């Protein structure tokens, strides 16, 4: 499993945050970027319960210098990620920050 499971206390959010820009969680040089765009990865969508697939959004991660594509949705107070290779991860909502653009 990719070590994109950032360890921290779970947030108290119960619903997905509304955002117009990407949200990012960082741990050292590793990062996960969440978009509000619908999941388009056929590899991920094929792994999901069809009744939940519409809830998933695009995501990408950089782990140890490698880029991975994923899709995500909020579950309780955390973002649940499913990667194209079948790995999964959880990121507490408290770790997600708006991406600052220059």
Protein backbone atom coordinates (compact mmCIF):
# COMPACT_ATOMS: atom_id res chain seq x y z
CA UNK A 1 0.00 0.00 0.00
CA UNK A 2 1.35 3.40 -0.86
CA UNK A 3 2.24 5.30 2.27
CA UNK A 4 -0.24 7.97 1.36
CA UNK A 5 -2.13 7.28 4.52
CA UNK A 6 -1.11 10.36 6.41
CA UNK A 7 -1.33 9.61 10.12
CA UNK A 8 -3.29 12.19 12.08
CA UNK A 9 -6.49 12.42 14.08
CA UNK A 10 -9.68 12.12 12.05
CA UNK A 11 -11.52 15.33 11.33
CA UNK A 12 -15.01 16.06 12.54
CA UNK A 13 -16.31 16.85 9.04
CA UNK A 14 -19.31 14.75 8.05
CA UNK A 15 -19.60 15.93 4.45
CA UNK A 16 -17.21 16.69 1.62
CA UNK A 17 -15.81 20.20 1.66
CA UNK A 18 -16.96 22.45 -1.16
CA UNK A 19 -14.04 23.89 -3.09
CA UNK A 20 -13.29 25.57 -6.39
CA UNK A 21 -9.60 24.77 -6.34
CA UNK A 22 -7.59 21.68 -5.59
CA UNK A 23 -6.95 20.47 -2.06
CA UNK A 24 -3.52 19.14 -1.16
CA UNK A 25 -2.12 17.06 1.68
CA UNK A 26 1.66 17.01 2.07
CA UNK A 27 4.07 14.94 4.11
CA UNK A 28 7.67 15.81 3.32
CA UNK A 29 8.15 15.49 -0.44
CA UNK A 30 5.06 13.26 -0.79
CA UNK A 31 1.72 14.81 -1.65
CA UNK A 32 -1.84 14.03 -2.62
CA UNK A 33 -3.87 16.43 -4.75
CA UNK A 34 -7.67 16.21 -4.76
CA UNK A 35 -9.77 17.75 -7.52
CA UNK A 36 -13.50 18.39 -7.66
CA UNK A 37 -13.60 16.93 -11.19
CA UNK A 38 -15.47 13.64 -11.61
CA UNK A 39 -13.33 10.49 -11.61
CA UNK A 40 -12.38 9.60 -15.19
CA UNK A 41 -10.05 6.66 -14.59
CA UNK A 42 -11.56 3.51 -16.09
CA UNK A 43 -9.09 1.47 -14.00
CA UNK A 44 -10.42 2.97 -10.75
CA UNK A 45 -14.05 3.06 -11.82
CA UNK A 46 -13.84 -0.64 -12.64
CA UNK A 47 -12.82 -1.33 -9.02
CA UNK A 48 -15.68 0.61 -7.44
CA UNK A 49 -19.21 -0.36 -6.50
CA UNK A 50 -21.19 1.08 -9.45
CA UNK A 51 -23.69 2.67 -7.06
CA UNK A 52 -20.89 4.76 -5.47
CA UNK A 53 -18.81 5.52 -8.58
CA UNK A 54 -20.49 8.88 -9.24
CA UNK A 55 -19.31 10.12 -5.82
CA UNK A 56 -15.61 9.73 -6.69
CA UNK A 57 -13.48 12.65 -7.90
CA UNK A 58 -10.06 12.85 -9.59
CA UNK A 59 -6.90 12.71 -7.49
CA UNK A 60 -3.18 12.32 -8.00
CA UNK A 61 -0.35 11.50 -5.64
CA UNK A 62 3.41 11.83 -5.66
CA UNK A 63 5.12 9.23 -3.49
CA UNK A 64 8.90 8.82 -3.45
CA UNK A 65 9.13 10.77 -6.69
CA UNK A 66 6.58 8.66 -8.58
CA UNK A 67 3.21 9.99 -9.71
CA UNK A 68 0.06 7.90 -9.23
CA UNK A 69 -3.49 8.50 -10.45
CA UNK A 70 -6.41 7.90 -8.12
CA UNK A 71 -9.98 8.82 -7.37
CA UNK A 72 -11.40 9.91 -4.03
CA UNK A 73 -14.56 10.61 -2.05
CA UNK A 74 -15.28 11.79 1.48
CA UNK A 75 -16.19 9.07 3.97
CA UNK A 76 -16.96 10.50 7.38
CA UNK A 77 -14.14 12.88 8.22
CA UNK A 78 -11.61 11.59 5.72
CA UNK A 79 -10.92 11.35 2.01
CA UNK A 80 -10.89 7.73 0.82
CA UNK A 81 -8.59 7.21 -2.17
CA UNK A 82 -8.56 4.32 -4.62
CA UNK A 83 -5.50 4.07 -6.88
CA UNK A 84 -5.40 2.61 -10.38
CA UNK A 85 -3.41 -0.41 -9.14
CA UNK A 86 -6.05 -1.18 -6.47
CA UNK A 87 -4.21 0.28 -3.48
CA UNK A 88 -6.29 2.44 -1.18
CA UNK A 89 -5.57 5.19 1.32
CA UNK A 90 -7.23 7.49 3.80
CA UNK A 91 -6.40 11.15 4.41
CA UNK A 92 -8.03 12.95 7.35
CA UNK A 93 -9.86 16.09 6.23
CA UNK A 94 -7.76 18.12 8.67
CA UNK A 95 -4.70 17.37 6.50
CA UNK A 96 -6.27 18.84 3.35
CA UNK A 97 -5.37 22.43 2.53
CA UNK A 98 -6.33 24.62 -0.46
CA UNK A 99 -3.54 24.74 -3.03
CA UNK A 100 -2.07 28.20 -3.11
CA UNK A 101 -1.50 29.54 -6.61
CA UNK A 102 1.00 32.23 -7.46
